[in-house]
Amino acid sequence: MSTSKEELIELLLTNKEAFANKKTELKDEIDLSEAEMSSCSIHGADLSDIDFSGASFTESSLTDVNFSNCDLTSADFSRCRIEECDFSGCILNGTNFSYATLNFCNFNEADMAGCVLNEAELTDSDFTTSENLSACRFDEGTIWPDNEKLPEDFDSTYNYDLSSLQDNEENSQNSGYEY
């Protein structure tokens, strides 16, 4: 008997043990891509190895949740409060953590390319072995953990991406063209 996304989300939010049993029954092949879970509260759940690509968790509270090895491509965690969650081995390409608070989270071996961390508070989270952290987007409002929790080659002071590049004013005035 197949279980719909809506039924799985309802189990996750109301009965973690039943969700865990269903996850075991489905042999970890759960597709919750584009799931809507905004403003929810999830504590102590094993959500490892689930496809959450395009899912929305905006303004949620997540504590002690295991997201390890999940596909979180383009998922939205903006304005979330996230504590002690495991994102190790996740694909976080295009994942939005803007304005989120992430304390004591594990991002080791997570692919951070394109991840958006604008105005995020990342206090005490571990990015030591995360991949492509220099390819994420962040701004001067991003609060990073101490350097020992960041990759050695990462520069948290460099926050300019291609969209912030501007023409040199001198070059644009002296281009040689008349209008």
C-alpha atoms as a PDB file:
ATOM      1  CA  MET A   1       0.000   0.000   0.000  1.00  0.00           C
ATOM      2  CA  SER A   2       1.487   3.324  -1.028  1.00  0.00           C
ATOM      3  CA  THR A   3       1.482   6.281   1.281  1.00  0.00           C
ATOM      4  CA  SER A   4       0.952   9.805  -0.032  1.00  0.00           C
ATOM      5  CA  LYS A   5       3.232  12.733   0.785  1.00  0.00           C
ATOM      6  CA  GLU A   6       0.442  14.315   2.797  1.00  0.00           C
ATOM      7  CA  GLU A   7       0.024  11.148   4.894  1.00  0.00           C
ATOM      8  CA  LEU A   8       3.779  10.949   5.520  1.00  0.00           C
ATOM      9  CA  ILE A   9       3.926  14.620   6.560  1.00  0.00           C
ATOM     10  CA  GLU A  10       0.958  14.131   8.892  1.00  0.00           C
ATOM     11  CA  LEU A  11       2.708  11.123  10.500  1.00  0.00           C
ATOM     12  CA  LEU A  12       5.943  13.086  10.858  1.00  0.00           C
ATOM     13  CA  LEU A  13       4.220  15.995  12.561  1.00  0.00           C
ATOM     14  CA  THR A  14       1.875  13.992  14.805  1.00  0.00           C
ATOM     15  CA  ASN A  15       3.414  10.565  15.465  1.00  0.00           C
ATOM     16  CA  LYS A  16       7.196  10.223  15.094  1.00  0.00           C
ATOM     17  CA  GLU A  17       7.170   6.501  15.991  1.00  0.00           C
ATOM     18  CA  ALA A  18       4.620   5.702  13.273  1.00  0.00           C
ATOM     19  CA  PHE A  19       6.671   7.798  10.833  1.00  0.00           C
ATOM     20  CA  ALA A  20       9.836   5.881  11.787  1.00  0.00           C
ATOM     21  CA  ASN A  21       8.022   2.562  11.238  1.00  0.00           C
ATOM     22  CA  LYS A  22       6.742   3.731   7.838  1.00  0.00           C
ATOM     23  CA  LYS A  23      10.256   4.908   6.922  1.00  0.00           C
ATOM     24  CA  THR A  24      11.633   1.448   7.751  1.00  0.00           C
ATOM     25  CA  GLU A  25       8.811  -0.204   5.805  1.00  0.00           C
ATOM     26  CA  LEU A  26       9.541   1.958   2.744  1.00  0.00           C
ATOM     27  CA  LYS A  27      13.262   1.080   3.025  1.00  0.00           C
ATOM     28  CA  ASP A  28      14.366   4.720   3.247  1.00  0.00           C
ATOM     29  CA  GLU A  29      12.978   5.564  -0.200  1.00  0.00           C
ATOM     30  CA  ILE A  30      10.808   8.477   0.817  1.00  0.00           C
ATOM     31  CA  ASP A  31      10.141  11.376  -1.529  1.00  0.00           C
ATOM     32  CA  LEU A  32       8.956  14.487   0.282  1.00  0.00           C
ATOM     33  CA  SER A  33      10.145  16.869  -2.420  1.00  0.00           C
ATOM     34  CA  GLU A  34       8.249  20.158  -2.467  1.00  0.00           C
ATOM     35  CA  ALA A  35       6.572  19.287   0.847  1.00  0.00           C
ATOM     36  CA  GLU A  36       5.001  22.182   2.749  1.00  0.00           C
ATOM     37  CA  MET A  37       6.056  22.130   6.396  1.00  0.00           C
ATOM     38  CA  SER A  38       6.199  25.836   7.234  1.00  0.00           C
ATOM     39  CA  SER A  39       5.711  26.964  10.831  1.00  0.00           C
ATOM     40  CA  CYS A  40       5.957  23.422  12.200  1.00  0.00           C
ATOM     41  CA  SER A  41       7.849  22.109  15.206  1.00  0.00           C
ATOM     42  CA  ILE A  42       9.899  18.924  14.827  1.00  0.00           C
ATOM     43  CA  HIS A  43      11.974  17.506  17.679  1.00  0.00           C
ATOM     44  CA  GLY A  44      14.080  14.339  17.799  1.00  0.00           C
ATOM     45  CA  ALA A  45      13.134  12.897  14.393  1.00  0.00           C
ATOM     46  CA  ASP A  46      15.228  10.732  12.056  1.00  0.00           C
ATOM     47  CA  LEU A  47      14.703  12.209   8.598  1.00  0.00           C
ATOM     48  CA  SER A  48      17.940  10.861   7.109  1.00  0.00           C
ATOM     49  CA  ASP A  49      18.133   9.812   3.454  1.00  0.00           C
ATOM     50  CA  ILE A  50      14.890  11.577   2.428  1.00  0.00           C
ATOM     51  CA  ASP A  51      14.416  13.686  -0.701  1.00  0.00           C
ATOM     52  CA  PHE A  52      13.286  17.100   0.566  1.00  0.00           C
ATOM     53  CA  SER A  53      14.268  18.999  -2.597  1.00  0.00           C
ATOM     54  CA  GLY A  54      12.153  22.123  -2.937  1.00  0.00           C
ATOM     55  CA  ALA A  55      10.484  21.575   0.462  1.00  0.00           C
ATOM     56  CA  SER A  56       9.527  24.541   2.633  1.00  0.00           C
ATOM     57  CA  PHE A  57      10.284  24.619   6.357  1.00  0.00           C
ATOM     58  CA  THR A  58      10.032  28.425   6.697  1.00  0.00           C
ATOM     59  CA  GLU A  59       9.588  29.766  10.214  1.00  0.00           C
ATOM     60  CA  SER A  60       9.798  26.266  11.725  1.00  0.00           C
ATOM     61  CA  SER A  61      11.474  25.123  14.923  1.00  0.00           C
ATOM     62  CA  LEU A  62      13.732  22.094  14.408  1.00  0.00           C
ATOM     63  CA  THR A  63      15.621  20.508  17.307  1.00  0.00           C
ATOM     64  CA  ASP A  64      17.755  17.360  17.281  1.00  0.00           C
ATOM     65  CA  VAL A  65      16.605  16.365  13.781  1.00  0.00           C
ATOM     66  CA  ASN A  66      18.763  14.013  11.703  1.00  0.00           C
ATOM     67  CA  PHE A  67      18.766  15.258   8.096  1.00  0.00           C
ATOM     68  CA  SER A  68      21.986  13.376   7.215  1.00  0.00           C
ATOM     69  CA  ASN A  69      22.367  12.400   3.563  1.00  0.00           C
ATOM     70  CA  CYS A  70      19.172  14.203   2.516  1.00  0.00           C
ATOM     71  CA  ASP A  71      18.695  15.957  -0.788  1.00  0.00           C
ATOM     72  CA  LEU A  72      17.729  19.462   0.347  1.00  0.00           C
ATOM     73  CA  THR A  73      18.311  21.130  -3.035  1.00  0.00           C
ATOM     74  CA  SER A  74      16.408  24.440  -3.106  1.00  0.00           C
ATOM     75  CA  ALA A  75      14.683  23.720   0.220  1.00  0.00           C
ATOM     76  CA  ASP A  76      13.617  26.786   2.214  1.00  0.00           C
ATOM     77  CA  PHE A  77      14.645  27.040   5.873  1.00  0.00           C
ATOM     78  CA  SER A  78      14.392  30.841   6.014  1.00  0.00           C
ATOM     79  CA  ARG A  79      13.577  32.310   9.421  1.00  0.00           C
ATOM     80  CA  CYS A  80      13.850  28.886  11.125  1.00  0.00           C
ATOM     81  CA  ARG A  81      15.217  28.160  14.566  1.00  0.00           C
ATOM     82  CA  ILE A  82      17.418  25.095  14.100  1.00  0.00           C
ATOM     83  CA  GLU A  83      19.336  23.527  16.989  1.00  0.00           C
ATOM     84  CA  GLU A  84      21.512  20.432  17.233  1.00  0.00           C
ATOM     85  CA  CYS A  85      20.487  19.145  13.786  1.00  0.00           C
ATOM     86  CA  ASP A  86      22.640  16.926  11.592  1.00  0.00           C
ATOM     87  CA  PHE A  87      23.025  18.051   7.965  1.00  0.00           C
ATOM     88  CA  SER A  88      26.134  15.921   7.313  1.00  0.00           C
ATOM     89  CA  GLY A  89      26.386  14.548   3.792  1.00  0.00           C
ATOM     90  CA  CYS A  90      23.421  16.630   2.581  1.00  0.00           C
ATOM     91  CA  ILE A  91      23.074  18.251  -0.809  1.00  0.00           C
ATOM     92  CA  LEU A  92      22.343  21.888   0.031  1.00  0.00           C
ATOM     93  CA  ASN A  93      22.589  23.393  -3.469  1.00  0.00           C
ATOM     94  CA  GLY A  94      20.387  26.478  -3.487  1.00  0.00           C
ATOM     95  CA  THR A  95      19.028  25.780   0.015  1.00  0.00           C
ATOM     96  CA  ASN A  96      17.881  28.982   1.713  1.00  0.00           C
ATOM     97  CA  PHE A  97      18.846  29.535   5.369  1.00  0.00           C
ATOM     98  CA  SER A  98      18.363  33.339   5.250  1.00  0.00           C
ATOM     99  CA  TYR A  99      17.537  34.895   8.624  1.00  0.00           C
ATOM    100  CA  ALA A 100      17.700  31.450  10.273  1.00  0.00           C
ATOM    101  CA  THR A 101      19.380  30.652  13.573  1.00  0.00           C
ATOM    102  CA  LEU A 102      21.462  27.462  13.389  1.00  0.00           C
ATOM    103  CA  ASN A 103      23.134  26.519  16.666  1.00  0.00           C
ATOM    104  CA  PHE A 104      25.275  23.428  17.228  1.00  0.00           C
ATOM    105  CA  CYS A 105      24.439  21.923  13.808  1.00  0.00           C
ATOM    106  CA  ASN A 106      26.680  19.529  11.863  1.00  0.00           C
ATOM    107  CA  PHE A 107      27.380  20.394   8.200  1.00  0.00           C
ATOM    108  CA  ASN A 108      30.379  18.093   7.691  1.00  0.00           C
ATOM    109  CA  GLU A 109      30.667  16.711   4.159  1.00  0.00           C
ATOM    110  CA  ALA A 110      27.556  18.667   3.106  1.00  0.00           C
ATOM    111  CA  ASP A 111      27.658  20.220  -0.379  1.00  0.00           C
ATOM    112  CA  MET A 112      27.078  23.942   0.267  1.00  0.00           C
ATOM    113  CA  ALA A 113      27.321  25.194  -3.359  1.00  0.00           C
ATOM    114  CA  GLY A 114      24.707  27.892  -3.905  1.00  0.00           C
ATOM    115  CA  CYS A 115      23.417  27.688  -0.323  1.00  0.00           C
ATOM    116  CA  VAL A 116      22.050  31.056   0.842  1.00  0.00           C
ATOM    117  CA  LEU A 117      23.128  32.136   4.329  1.00  0.00           C
ATOM    118  CA  ASN A 118      22.199  35.839   4.276  1.00  0.00           C
ATOM    119  CA  GLU A 119      21.694  37.225   7.805  1.00  0.00           C
ATOM    120  CA  ALA A 120      21.982  33.669   9.210  1.00  0.00           C
ATOM    121  CA  GLU A 121      23.335  33.051  12.696  1.00  0.00           C
ATOM    122  CA  LEU A 122      25.576  29.980  12.559  1.00  0.00           C
ATOM    123  CA  THR A 123      26.906  30.056  16.133  1.00  0.00           C
ATOM    124  CA  ASP A 124      28.794  26.904  17.106  1.00  0.00           C
ATOM    125  CA  SER A 125      27.743  24.980  13.972  1.00  0.00           C
ATOM    126  CA  ASP A 126      30.445  22.770  12.435  1.00  0.00           C
ATOM    127  CA  PHE A 127      31.420  23.344   8.786  1.00  0.00           C
ATOM    128  CA  THR A 128      34.964  21.921   9.137  1.00  0.00           C
ATOM    129  CA  THR A 129      34.704  19.396   6.290  1.00  0.00           C
ATOM    130  CA  SER A 130      31.786  20.905   4.371  1.00  0.00           C
ATOM    131  CA  GLU A 131      32.251  21.107   0.616  1.00  0.00           C
ATOM    132  CA  ASN A 132      31.978  24.206  -1.581  1.00  0.00           C
ATOM    133  CA  LEU A 133      31.374  26.591   1.338  1.00  0.00           C
ATOM    134  CA  SER A 134      33.135  29.328  -0.619  1.00  0.00           C
ATOM    135  CA  ALA A 135      30.432  28.894  -3.311  1.00  0.00           C
ATOM    136  CA  CYS A 136      27.601  29.800  -0.936  1.00  0.00           C
ATOM    137  CA  ARG A 137      25.982  33.223  -0.661  1.00  0.00           C
ATOM    138  CA  PHE A 138      26.243  35.243   2.533  1.00  0.00           C
ATOM    139  CA  ASP A 139      26.405  38.860   3.568  1.00  0.00           C
ATOM    140  CA  GLU A 140      27.890  41.060   6.257  1.00  0.00           C
ATOM    141  CA  GLY A 141      24.962  40.124   8.537  1.00  0.00           C
ATOM    142  CA  THR A 142      25.903  36.419   8.535  1.00  0.00           C
ATOM    143  CA  ILE A 143      27.277  35.370  11.922  1.00  0.00           C
ATOM    144  CA  TRP A 144      29.876  32.628  11.471  1.00  0.00           C
ATOM    145  CA  PRO A 145      31.172  30.158  14.075  1.00  0.00           C
ATOM    146  CA  ASP A 146      34.779  30.372  15.253  1.00  0.00           C
ATOM    147  CA  ASN A 147      37.437  29.664  12.599  1.00  0.00           C
ATOM    148  CA  GLU A 148      38.203  26.181  13.976  1.00  0.00           C
ATOM    149  CA  LYS A 149      34.683  25.157  12.867  1.00  0.00           C
ATOM    150  CA  LEU A 150      35.204  26.413   9.289  1.00  0.00           C
ATOM    151  CA  PRO A 151      37.256  24.889   6.435  1.00  0.00           C
ATOM    152  CA  GLU A 152      40.870  26.096   6.435  1.00  0.00           C
ATOM    153  CA  ASP A 153      40.578  27.730   3.003  1.00  0.00           C
ATOM    154  CA  PHE A 154      37.310  29.585   3.724  1.00  0.00           C
ATOM    155  CA  ASP A 155      37.282  33.374   4.071  1.00  0.00           C
ATOM    156  CA  SER A 156      34.146  34.530   5.888  1.00  0.00           C
ATOM    157  CA  THR A 157      35.008  38.182   5.217  1.00  0.00           C
ATOM    158  CA  TYR A 158      34.517  37.787   1.451  1.00  0.00           C
ATOM    159  CA  ASN A 159      30.800  38.252   0.885  1.00  0.00           C
ATOM    160  CA  TYR A 160      30.568  39.596  -2.636  1.00  0.00           C
ATOM    161  CA  ASP A 161      29.080  37.499  -5.390  1.00  0.00           C
ATOM    162  CA  LEU A 162      28.655  38.254  -9.096  1.00  0.00           C
ATOM    163  CA  SER A 163      25.444  40.198  -8.513  1.00  0.00           C
ATOM    164  CA  SER A 164      27.343  42.752  -6.434  1.00  0.00           C
ATOM    165  CA  LEU A 165      29.934  43.514  -9.098  1.00  0.00           C
ATOM    166  CA  GLN A 166      29.611  46.977 -10.538  1.00  0.00           C
ATOM    167  CA  ASP A 167      31.283  48.703 -13.430  1.00  0.00           C
ATOM    168  CA  ASN A 168      34.169  50.884 -12.511  1.00  0.00           C
ATOM    169  CA  GLU A 169      32.783  54.413 -12.784  1.00  0.00           C
ATOM    170  CA  GLU A 170      35.896  55.594 -14.648  1.00  0.00           C
ATOM    171  CA  ASN A 171      35.561  52.839 -17.271  1.00  0.00           C
ATOM    172  CA  SER A 172      31.903  53.582 -17.913  1.00  0.00           C
ATOM    173  CA  GLN A 173      32.538  57.319 -18.392  1.00  0.00           C
ATOM    174  CA  ASN A 174      35.531  56.839 -20.701  1.00  0.00           C
ATOM    175  CA  SER A 175      34.229  54.038 -22.833  1.00  0.00           C
ATOM    176  CA  GLY A 176      34.909  55.929 -26.075  1.00  0.00           C
ATOM    177  CA  TYR A 177      31.280  55.939 -27.136  1.00  0.00           C
ATOM    178  CA  GLU A 178      29.173  59.047 -27.456  1.00  0.00           C
ATOM    179  CA  TYR A 179      25.493  58.972 -26.749  1.00  0.00           C
END
